[in-house]
């Protein structure tokens, strides 16, 4: 099996690290991670299956997933300016502008064009802001699984 992409839209808040940790906790409690849910359909919505967690903590879920990883945002543990395994980094402004023709893409623009996923390495993630009008409305977190 090859690495699989994943992406999540979350409500905007200025603290990206807090947004990431809240997303991880939400997806953990919902059980939307391997090995609880073998394969997920993205993007996750309010209608996505949520079987509930089968582990006592995110750390236990990560251990149960072993080298395969959770195939979800649970594999991303923090935000950083430098790309690395297990971190989300900001997507380069030039990439955003070249893909969407604006530094402020809308939700619909991003759903229609996920080409940036091709540049993400396994076990890594990116994030960027999604706009409604001239104001940030969401944060997109997107990455690739380990396997």
Protein backbone atom coordinates (compact mmCIF):
# COMPACT_ATOMS: atom_id res chain seq x y z
CA UNK A 1 0.00 0.00 0.00
CA UNK A 2 1.26 3.51 -0.75
CA UNK A 3 1.09 6.65 1.32
CA UNK A 4 -2.33 8.27 1.43
CA UNK A 5 -3.15 11.99 1.61
CA UNK A 6 -5.39 13.49 4.25
CA UNK A 7 -6.76 16.99 4.77
CA UNK A 8 -8.93 18.75 7.31
CA UNK A 9 -10.64 22.15 7.34
CA UNK A 10 -10.98 23.61 10.84
CA UNK A 11 -12.41 26.88 12.06
CA UNK A 12 -9.82 29.67 12.03
CA UNK A 13 -8.11 30.72 15.20
CA UNK A 14 -4.88 32.71 15.42
CA UNK A 15 -3.00 30.06 17.42
CA UNK A 16 -2.14 27.38 14.83
CA UNK A 17 -0.63 25.02 17.43
CA UNK A 18 -3.83 25.11 19.48
CA UNK A 19 -5.89 24.51 16.32
CA UNK A 20 -3.74 21.46 15.51
CA UNK A 21 -3.99 20.00 19.00
CA UNK A 22 -7.77 20.51 19.09
CA UNK A 23 -8.08 18.80 15.70
CA UNK A 24 -5.95 15.87 16.88
CA UNK A 25 -8.09 15.48 20.01
CA UNK A 26 -11.32 15.67 17.99
CA UNK A 27 -10.19 13.00 15.53
CA UNK A 28 -8.85 10.79 18.33
CA UNK A 29 -12.17 10.91 20.23
CA UNK A 30 -14.06 10.22 16.99
CA UNK A 31 -11.89 7.16 16.30
CA UNK A 32 -11.03 8.42 12.83
CA UNK A 33 -7.55 6.93 12.70
CA UNK A 34 -5.85 3.62 11.92
CA UNK A 35 -6.21 1.02 13.42
CA UNK A 36 -9.76 1.95 14.58
CA UNK A 37 -10.81 3.07 11.10
CA UNK A 38 -8.86 1.33 8.38
CA UNK A 39 -9.47 3.90 5.64
CA UNK A 40 -10.90 7.39 5.92
CA UNK A 41 -12.62 9.47 3.28
CA UNK A 42 -11.46 13.06 3.12
CA UNK A 43 -12.29 15.72 3.80
CA UNK A 44 -13.77 14.77 7.16
CA UNK A 45 -17.20 16.33 7.68
CA UNK A 46 -19.89 16.26 10.35
CA UNK A 47 -21.35 13.26 8.49
CA UNK A 48 -18.09 11.24 8.53
CA UNK A 49 -18.17 7.95 10.46
CA UNK A 50 -17.09 8.31 14.09
CA UNK A 51 -16.80 4.90 15.76
CA UNK A 52 -15.11 6.37 18.85
CA UNK A 53 -11.65 5.79 20.16
CA UNK A 54 -10.41 2.35 21.17
CA UNK A 55 -7.31 3.63 22.97
CA UNK A 56 -6.73 5.47 26.24
CA UNK A 57 -4.55 8.18 24.69
CA UNK A 58 -3.19 9.49 21.41
CA UNK A 59 0.19 8.05 22.41
CA UNK A 60 -1.37 4.57 22.75
CA UNK A 61 -3.07 4.98 19.37
CA UNK A 62 0.27 5.92 17.79
CA UNK A 63 1.91 2.86 19.36
CA UNK A 64 -0.89 0.58 18.13
CA UNK A 65 -0.53 1.94 14.60
CA UNK A 66 3.23 1.16 14.71
CA UNK A 67 5.30 1.98 11.61
CA UNK A 68 2.16 2.37 9.48
CA UNK A 69 1.12 5.45 11.43
CA UNK A 70 -2.49 6.41 12.04
CA UNK A 71 -3.07 7.61 8.46
CA UNK A 72 -4.49 10.76 10.01
CA UNK A 73 -3.64 14.07 11.66
CA UNK A 74 -2.75 12.13 14.83
CA UNK A 75 0.65 11.45 13.23
CA UNK A 76 1.38 15.19 13.28
CA UNK A 77 2.43 16.19 16.77
CA UNK A 78 3.31 19.87 16.44
CA UNK A 79 3.71 22.94 14.24
CA UNK A 80 7.14 24.08 13.06
CA UNK A 81 8.72 26.44 10.55
CA UNK A 82 11.00 23.60 9.35
CA UNK A 83 9.63 20.50 7.57
CA UNK A 84 10.19 17.28 9.48
CA UNK A 85 8.46 14.01 10.25
CA UNK A 86 5.53 14.53 12.59
CA UNK A 87 5.21 18.29 12.13
CA UNK A 88 3.01 20.66 10.15
CA UNK A 89 4.71 23.56 8.43
CA UNK A 90 3.19 26.57 6.69
CA UNK A 91 2.70 26.08 2.95
CA UNK A 92 4.90 28.54 1.10
CA UNK A 93 3.10 31.76 0.09
CA UNK A 94 4.41 31.48 -3.48
CA UNK A 95 2.91 27.99 -3.82
CA UNK A 96 -0.47 29.26 -2.58
CA UNK A 97 -0.38 32.20 -5.01
CA UNK A 98 0.64 30.02 -7.95
CA UNK A 99 -2.06 27.41 -7.27
CA UNK A 100 -4.93 29.76 -6.53
CA UNK A 101 -3.97 33.08 -8.13
CA UNK A 102 -4.35 34.79 -4.76
CA UNK A 103 -2.67 34.75 -1.35
CA UNK A 104 -6.17 34.31 0.16
CA UNK A 105 -7.77 31.14 -1.30
CA UNK A 106 -11.36 30.24 -0.48
CA UNK A 107 -12.64 26.87 0.70
CA UNK A 108 -14.03 26.13 -2.75
CA UNK A 109 -10.73 26.99 -4.48
CA UNK A 110 -8.85 24.56 -2.26
CA UNK A 111 -11.40 21.76 -2.62
CA UNK A 112 -11.08 22.13 -6.41
CA UNK A 113 -7.28 22.08 -6.39
CA UNK A 114 -5.30 19.88 -4.02
CA UNK A 115 -2.15 19.81 -6.17
CA UNK A 116 -0.02 21.00 -3.23
CA UNK A 117 -0.43 17.50 -1.73
CA UNK A 118 2.02 16.15 -4.33
CA UNK A 119 4.88 18.05 -2.68
CA UNK A 120 4.38 16.73 0.87
CA UNK A 121 6.68 13.97 2.09
CA UNK A 122 5.42 10.91 3.96
CA UNK A 123 4.77 11.55 7.62
CA UNK A 124 4.71 15.32 7.15
CA UNK A 125 1.99 17.96 6.85
CA UNK A 126 1.39 21.56 5.83
CA UNK A 127 -1.14 24.15 6.84
CA UNK A 128 -2.47 27.40 5.43
CA UNK A 129 -5.32 29.82 5.92
CA UNK A 130 -8.59 29.66 4.00
CA UNK A 131 -10.45 32.93 3.49
CA UNK A 132 -14.01 34.11 3.28
CA UNK A 133 -13.91 37.59 1.81
CA UNK A 134 -10.84 39.32 3.18
CA UNK A 135 -10.77 37.51 6.52
CA UNK A 136 -9.38 34.12 7.51
CA UNK A 137 -12.25 31.68 8.08
CA UNK A 138 -10.50 28.29 8.30
CA UNK A 139 -7.16 26.56 8.58
CA UNK A 140 -6.40 23.66 6.28
CA UNK A 141 -4.14 20.94 7.65
CA UNK A 142 -3.01 18.42 5.03
CA UNK A 143 -0.43 15.68 4.95
CA UNK A 144 0.63 12.23 3.82
CA UNK A 145 0.54 9.01 5.78
CA UNK A 146 3.65 6.93 6.38
CA UNK A 147 2.60 3.90 4.38
